[in-house]
Protein backbone atom coordinates (compact mmCIF):
# COMPACT_ATOMS: atom_id res chain seq x y z
CA MET A 1 104.59 44.18 97.64
CA LEU A 2 107.73 43.96 95.52
CA LEU A 3 110.93 45.49 96.82
CA ARG A 4 114.02 45.99 94.69
CA GLY A 5 116.97 47.72 96.30
CA SER A 6 115.56 50.89 97.82
CA ARG A 7 112.44 50.97 95.60
CA TRP A 8 109.27 50.21 97.53
CA ASN A 9 105.71 49.72 96.35
CA GLU A 10 103.24 50.42 99.11
CA GLY A 11 100.69 47.68 98.66
CA LYS A 12 99.41 45.45 101.43
CA LYS A 13 100.15 46.54 104.96
CA PHE A 14 101.00 44.31 107.87
CA PRO A 15 100.38 44.80 111.61
CA MET A 16 103.16 46.38 113.64
CA ILE A 17 103.69 49.37 115.90
CA THR A 18 103.59 52.66 114.02
CA VAL A 19 106.24 55.08 115.27
CA ALA A 20 105.88 58.77 114.47
CA VAL A 21 108.95 60.73 113.41
CA MET A 22 110.22 63.03 116.15
CA ALA A 23 113.26 65.28 116.16
CA ALA A 24 113.15 66.68 119.67
CA GLY A 25 116.35 65.00 120.86
CA ILE A 26 117.42 61.57 122.02
CA HIS A 27 115.11 61.63 125.08
CA ALA A 28 112.12 61.92 122.75
CA VAL A 29 113.47 59.01 120.72
CA LEU A 30 113.79 56.82 123.80
CA LEU A 31 110.30 57.78 124.87
CA LEU A 32 108.91 56.42 121.61
CA SER A 33 110.13 52.94 122.46
CA THR A 34 107.58 52.75 125.29
CA MET A 35 104.63 53.49 123.05
CA SER A 36 102.79 50.19 122.69
CA GLY A 37 99.26 49.14 123.62
CA ALA A 38 96.92 51.20 121.44
CA LEU A 39 99.60 51.77 118.81
CA ALA A 40 100.09 48.02 118.36
CA ALA A 41 96.80 47.76 116.49
CA GLU A 42 97.75 50.43 113.95
CA GLN A 43 99.14 49.85 110.48
CA PRO A 44 102.85 50.34 109.76
CA ASP A 45 104.13 53.66 108.48
CA MET A 46 105.60 52.41 105.20
CA GLY A 47 107.20 55.78 104.47
CA LEU A 48 109.11 55.61 107.74
CA ILE A 49 110.03 51.97 107.12
CA LYS A 50 111.31 52.88 103.64
CA LYS A 51 113.51 55.56 105.18
CA GLY A 52 114.80 53.09 107.78
CA ARG A 53 115.69 50.59 105.09
CA HIS A 54 117.58 53.22 103.10
CA ILE A 55 119.57 54.18 106.21
CA SER A 56 120.26 50.52 106.99
CA ASP A 57 121.59 50.07 103.45
CA THR A 58 123.72 53.21 103.24
CA VAL A 59 124.67 54.82 106.59
CA ALA A 60 128.37 55.70 106.84
CA GLY A 61 128.97 54.18 103.41
CA VAL A 62 128.59 50.60 104.64
CA GLY A 63 125.13 50.50 106.17
CA CYS A 64 123.91 48.42 109.08
CA LYS A 65 123.78 45.54 106.59
CA GLY A 66 127.59 45.55 106.48
CA CYS A 67 127.56 43.71 109.81
CA HIS A 68 123.96 42.59 110.35
CA GLY A 69 123.11 41.34 106.85
CA ALA A 70 120.97 42.86 104.13
CA TYR A 71 117.80 41.68 105.88
CA GLY A 72 118.93 41.79 109.50
CA GLU A 73 119.66 38.06 109.42
CA GLY A 74 123.10 38.46 111.00
CA ASP A 75 124.97 36.25 108.58
CA VAL A 76 127.86 38.59 107.73
CA GLY A 77 130.53 40.46 109.65
CA THR A 78 130.26 40.36 113.41
CA GLY A 79 126.77 41.79 113.85
CA PRO A 80 124.03 39.68 115.44
CA TYR A 81 120.55 38.83 114.15
CA ASN A 82 118.62 42.10 114.09
CA ARG A 83 115.11 41.26 112.87
CA GLY A 84 112.60 42.51 115.42
CA VAL A 85 115.10 44.68 117.28
CA ASN A 86 113.19 47.72 118.51
CA LEU A 87 113.97 51.38 118.95
CA SER A 88 115.25 51.16 122.53
CA LYS A 89 117.66 48.33 121.65
CA ILE A 90 119.03 50.23 118.68
CA SER A 91 119.48 53.43 120.72
CA ALA A 92 121.23 51.50 123.50
CA ALA A 93 123.57 49.78 121.02
CA ILE A 94 124.56 53.06 119.36
CA SER A 95 125.29 54.54 122.79
CA GLY A 96 126.95 51.52 124.39
CA VAL A 97 128.51 49.21 121.79
CA LYS A 98 132.05 50.30 120.95
CA GLN A 99 131.89 49.10 117.35
CA MET A 100 128.83 51.27 116.77
CA GLU A 101 129.99 54.49 118.41
CA PHE A 102 130.88 56.06 115.06
CA LEU A 103 127.16 56.09 114.20
CA LYS A 104 126.52 58.80 116.80
CA LYS A 105 127.86 61.34 114.31
CA GLU A 106 126.05 59.77 111.37
CA LEU A 107 122.51 59.39 112.70
CA LYS A 108 120.02 62.03 113.74
CA PRO A 109 117.30 61.17 116.29
CA ASP A 110 114.67 60.77 113.56
CA ASP A 111 117.04 58.45 111.66
CA ILE A 112 117.17 56.18 114.70
CA VAL A 113 113.36 56.23 114.88
CA ALA A 114 113.24 55.12 111.23
CA LEU A 115 115.70 52.29 111.89
CA GLY A 116 113.58 51.16 114.83
CA ALA A 117 110.48 51.09 112.64
CA TYR A 118 112.27 49.16 109.90
CA TYR A 119 113.81 46.47 112.11
CA SER A 120 110.62 46.09 114.15
CA TRP A 121 108.74 45.53 110.89
CA LEU A 122 111.24 42.91 109.75
CA GLY A 123 110.57 41.01 112.96
CA THR A 124 106.92 40.52 112.01
CA MET A 125 107.89 38.38 109.01
CA GLN A 126 109.48 34.99 108.42
CA LEU A 127 112.55 35.39 106.23
CA VAL A 128 112.80 32.96 103.30
CA LYS A 129 115.83 33.25 101.02
CA THR A 130 116.22 31.27 97.80
CA ILE A 131 118.89 31.26 95.10
CA VAL A 132 117.97 30.65 91.47
CA LYS A 133 120.98 28.92 89.96
CA ARG A 134 121.15 26.99 86.69
CA GLY A 135 117.39 26.95 86.46
CA ARG A 136 116.78 25.61 89.96
CA PHE A 137 115.54 27.12 93.21
CA MET A 138 117.79 26.39 96.18
CA PRO A 139 116.02 25.61 98.45
CA ASP A 140 112.95 24.67 96.41
CA LYS A 141 110.55 23.87 99.28
CA VAL A 142 109.71 25.73 102.49
CA GLU A 143 107.16 25.00 105.21
CA VAL A 144 105.15 27.97 106.49
CA TYR A 145 102.56 28.18 109.24
CA PRO A 146 99.11 29.39 108.01
CA GLY A 147 98.62 33.16 108.08
CA THR A 148 102.34 33.94 108.35
CA ALA A 149 103.77 37.06 106.71
CA VAL A 150 106.78 35.97 104.66
CA GLN A 151 109.62 38.12 103.36
CA LEU A 152 110.75 36.24 100.26
CA VAL A 153 114.22 37.03 98.92
CA ILE A 154 115.06 35.82 95.40
CA ASN A 155 118.71 35.90 94.28
CA ASN A 156 119.03 35.51 90.52
CA THR A 157 122.59 34.30 89.93
CA SER A 158 122.09 34.10 86.16
CA THR A 159 123.44 36.81 83.88
CA ALA A 160 120.03 36.90 82.18
CA ALA A 161 116.86 38.41 83.58
CA LEU A 162 114.27 35.88 84.78
CA SER A 163 110.52 36.24 85.20
CA PHE A 164 108.47 34.74 88.02
CA SER A 165 104.77 34.42 88.69
CA SER A 166 102.23 32.55 90.79
CA ASP A 167 98.47 32.54 90.40
CA ASP A 168 97.82 30.64 93.61
CA MET A 169 100.09 32.97 95.62
CA GLY A 170 98.44 36.01 94.07
CA LEU A 171 101.70 37.25 92.54
CA LYS A 172 101.62 38.85 89.11
CA THR A 173 104.55 38.31 86.76
CA PHE A 174 107.66 40.18 87.85
CA THR A 175 111.23 40.20 86.59
CA VAL A 176 114.50 39.87 88.47
CA PRO A 177 117.44 41.25 86.45
CA GLY A 178 120.56 39.12 86.09
CA ARG A 179 122.86 39.12 89.12
CA GLU A 180 120.32 40.99 91.21
CA VAL A 181 118.29 40.29 94.33
CA VAL A 182 114.63 41.13 94.81
CA ASP A 183 112.54 40.75 97.94
CA MET A 184 108.79 40.87 98.45
CA VAL A 185 106.18 40.27 101.14
CA TRP A 186 103.68 37.44 100.82
CA ASN A 187 100.96 36.64 103.34
CA ALA A 188 100.52 32.89 103.57
CA PRO A 189 96.81 31.90 103.38
CA GLU A 190 95.05 30.07 106.18
CA THR A 191 94.25 27.16 103.86
CA GLU A 192 96.71 24.31 104.27
CA ARG A 193 98.14 23.16 100.94
CA PRO A 194 101.16 23.73 98.67
CA TYR A 195 101.58 27.07 96.87
CA SER A 196 104.10 27.41 94.05
CA LEU A 197 106.18 30.20 92.53
CA GLN A 198 106.98 29.44 88.89
CA CYS A 199 109.95 30.42 86.74
CA PRO A 200 108.90 29.77 83.11
CA GLU A 201 112.23 30.99 81.73
CA CYS A 202 114.39 28.76 83.92
CA ILE A 203 116.44 26.14 82.10
CA VAL A 204 115.08 23.26 84.18
CA LYS A 205 111.40 22.97 83.30
CA ASP A 206 108.63 22.26 85.79
CA LYS A 207 110.80 23.44 88.66
CA SER A 208 109.26 25.79 91.18
CA LEU A 209 109.61 27.15 94.68
CA THR A 210 106.94 25.47 96.79
CA PHE A 211 105.54 26.87 100.01
CA VAL A 212 103.88 24.12 102.00
CA VAL A 213 101.39 25.91 104.23
CA THR A 214 100.79 23.59 107.16
CA ARG A 215 100.13 23.73 110.88
CA ASN A 216 102.99 21.27 111.27
CA ALA A 217 105.39 24.07 110.39
CA ARG A 218 107.14 26.01 113.11
CA ARG A 219 105.36 29.25 113.91
CA HIS A 220 107.24 32.43 113.18
CA VAL A 221 107.98 34.26 116.43
CA ASN A 222 109.09 37.88 116.65
CA PRO A 223 112.10 37.52 118.99
CA MET A 224 111.77 41.00 120.45
CA ALA A 225 108.02 40.61 121.10
CA THR A 226 108.76 37.34 122.93
CA ALA A 227 111.44 39.00 125.02
CA ARG A 228 109.11 41.86 125.99
CA ALA A 229 106.40 39.35 126.96
CA ARG A 230 108.83 37.56 129.29
CA ASN A 231 109.70 40.85 130.95
């Protein structure tokens, strides 16, 4: 599934809690955060997730990403790591965190539901960010536990468009325009071995981004799921 900006292709789907859109007031929104169990086995509502991403990118002219990072990684502004944050946490923050009070006028109840779906979905994936600069991937090697869903973010710092492909990762050729960032979802196989993403047009030949799928890698853990388990 290739994601560029707010454009989404609904390809493979990954397990997470599906949250239905409701507009019956904030109490209905809070109620949704308790819906687990049977819903946990359902597939994600990619339409709702797409809406949540758009809101995260644009709300109030700055988006949630203005503080929490473009992918909820919490590396900009003053906002914390947000990947895996669920609906109840988001609702509580909007109501109780002073810096977020302005969002009360910007977000409708169903907007908050969409944000909850989006950030919950992000928590199911390991975030891997790489920069392509002067023909090299930085970093150029990442260890991933078998079967892990990976959100791969590629930042093309070149002024020229670059193409990428990988037969062993099951990725068809795709292009990242110059000075743009593209992200996609890749499900790491269960088979332990290296998998490589190639950049034929890069200046440095035979350079690739290598995913080493190994059980020696640290398992990806959804922080919010772990917190709920402890409680």
